[in-house]
Amino acid sequence: MAIFIFMIIFSLIFYMLYKVKYFRTHLPVEKKWLSAKSSMALGSFVFFFGVNTVINPLSTVAIVVGIVLILIGLGSFLAGLKAYRYYLPYAIKEAEAVKEQEMKEKTVTN
């Protein structure tokens, strides 16, 4: 089905986007937060790939592989969601501290 192919490509693009952001940031908590988001995107990629494999089976082995991929993708997504929820408040505090520090630097230089 075309919707699953679209979702596979969409989640892979988000995975790459979050990994690029991960390598560009220097804040430690933000790195962990972005890593959790990329884990969720990769988990959804594997999940949708497994669902597509189960819906369009070529053999019994393909169905078994699809079920395994669904379980692995779901586990990766849920682990990423748990980490995302854990690091979100710390990432917000870190971003506010950085913004406050930048404001102090601007007022000192002016």
Protein backbone atom coordinates (compact mmCIF):
# COMPACT_ATOMS: atom_id res chain seq x y z
CA MET A 1 0.00 0.00 0.00
CA ALA A 2 1.19 3.45 -0.90
CA ILE A 3 0.43 4.96 2.52
CA PHE A 4 2.95 2.68 4.22
CA ILE A 5 5.61 3.49 1.65
CA PHE A 6 4.95 7.19 2.27
CA MET A 7 5.21 6.65 6.05
CA ILE A 8 8.45 4.68 5.62
CA ILE A 9 10.04 7.49 3.63
CA PHE A 10 8.61 10.17 5.95
CA SER A 11 10.00 8.51 9.09
CA LEU A 12 13.39 7.94 7.46
CA ILE A 13 13.59 11.63 6.55
CA PHE A 14 12.77 12.61 10.13
CA TYR A 15 15.41 10.19 11.41
CA MET A 16 18.06 11.83 9.25
CA LEU A 17 16.85 15.31 10.24
CA TYR A 18 17.16 14.55 13.95
CA LYS A 19 20.59 12.95 13.51
CA VAL A 20 21.87 16.03 11.70
CA LYS A 21 20.53 18.23 14.51
CA TYR A 22 22.13 15.84 17.02
CA PHE A 23 25.58 16.29 15.50
CA ARG A 24 25.20 20.08 15.18
CA THR A 25 24.29 20.83 18.80
CA HIS A 26 26.80 21.11 21.63
CA LEU A 27 24.38 21.03 24.56
CA PRO A 28 24.53 17.67 26.35
CA VAL A 29 20.87 17.34 27.38
CA GLU A 30 19.67 18.52 23.99
CA LYS A 31 21.82 15.80 22.41
CA LYS A 32 20.08 13.15 24.53
CA TRP A 33 16.69 14.67 23.73
CA LEU A 34 17.40 14.66 19.98
CA SER A 35 18.73 11.11 20.24
CA ALA A 36 15.41 10.07 21.78
CA LYS A 37 13.52 11.75 18.94
CA SER A 38 15.69 10.01 16.36
CA SER A 39 15.08 6.70 18.12
CA MET A 40 11.34 7.29 17.81
CA ALA A 41 11.71 8.08 14.10
CA LEU A 42 13.86 5.01 13.48
CA GLY A 43 11.41 2.85 15.44
CA SER A 44 8.53 4.11 13.32
CA PHE A 45 10.57 3.40 10.17
CA VAL A 46 11.15 -0.22 11.22
CA PHE A 47 7.52 -0.57 12.37
CA PHE A 48 6.05 0.65 9.08
CA PHE A 49 8.52 -1.47 7.13
CA GLY A 50 7.33 -4.51 9.09
CA VAL A 51 3.67 -3.64 8.54
CA ASN A 52 4.31 -3.26 4.82
CA THR A 53 6.05 -6.63 4.79
CA VAL A 54 3.14 -8.33 6.58
CA ILE A 55 0.50 -6.73 4.34
CA ASN A 56 2.30 -7.72 1.13
CA PRO A 57 3.62 -11.18 2.05
CA LEU A 58 5.71 -13.15 -0.37
CA SER A 59 6.11 -16.18 1.87
CA THR A 60 5.75 -17.41 5.43
CA VAL A 61 9.28 -16.24 6.19
CA ALA A 62 8.33 -12.72 5.08
CA ILE A 63 5.40 -12.71 7.50
CA VAL A 64 7.60 -13.85 10.38
CA VAL A 65 10.26 -11.25 9.53
CA GLY A 66 7.54 -8.59 9.30
CA ILE A 67 6.18 -9.49 12.74
CA VAL A 68 9.70 -9.35 14.22
CA LEU A 69 10.27 -5.95 12.59
CA ILE A 70 6.96 -4.68 13.98
CA LEU A 71 7.93 -5.74 17.49
CA ILE A 72 11.44 -4.26 17.25
CA GLY A 73 10.10 -1.01 15.79
CA LEU A 74 7.42 -0.72 18.46
CA GLY A 75 10.00 -1.35 21.19
CA SER A 76 12.37 1.24 19.78
CA PHE A 77 9.57 3.79 19.44
CA LEU A 78 8.38 3.24 23.01
CA ALA A 79 11.92 3.43 24.43
CA GLY A 80 12.49 6.66 22.51
CA LEU A 81 9.18 8.06 23.75
CA LYS A 82 10.12 7.26 27.34
CA ALA A 83 13.51 8.96 26.93
CA TYR A 84 11.89 11.92 25.16
CA ARG A 85 9.47 12.47 28.03
CA TYR A 86 12.30 12.14 30.55
CA TYR A 87 14.71 14.60 28.89
CA LEU A 88 12.16 17.19 27.72
CA PRO A 89 11.99 19.22 30.99
CA TYR A 90 15.77 19.18 31.31
CA ALA A 91 16.19 20.29 27.70
CA ILE A 92 13.79 23.17 28.30
CA LYS A 93 15.74 24.24 31.40
CA GLU A 94 19.01 23.97 29.51
CA ALA A 95 17.68 26.06 26.62
CA GLU A 96 16.36 28.71 29.01
CA ALA A 97 19.73 28.84 30.80
CA VAL A 98 21.57 29.27 27.51
CA LYS A 99 19.16 31.98 26.40
CA GLU A 100 19.54 33.76 29.74
CA GLN A 101 23.33 33.55 29.47
CA GLU A 102 23.22 35.03 25.97
CA MET A 103 21.02 37.88 27.22
CA LYS A 104 23.51 38.62 30.00
CA GLU A 105 26.37 38.65 27.50
CA LYS A 106 24.48 41.08 25.27
CA THR A 107 23.78 43.47 28.14
CA VAL A 108 27.39 43.36 29.33
CA THR A 109 28.80 44.16 25.89
CA ASN A 110 26.37 47.03 25.27
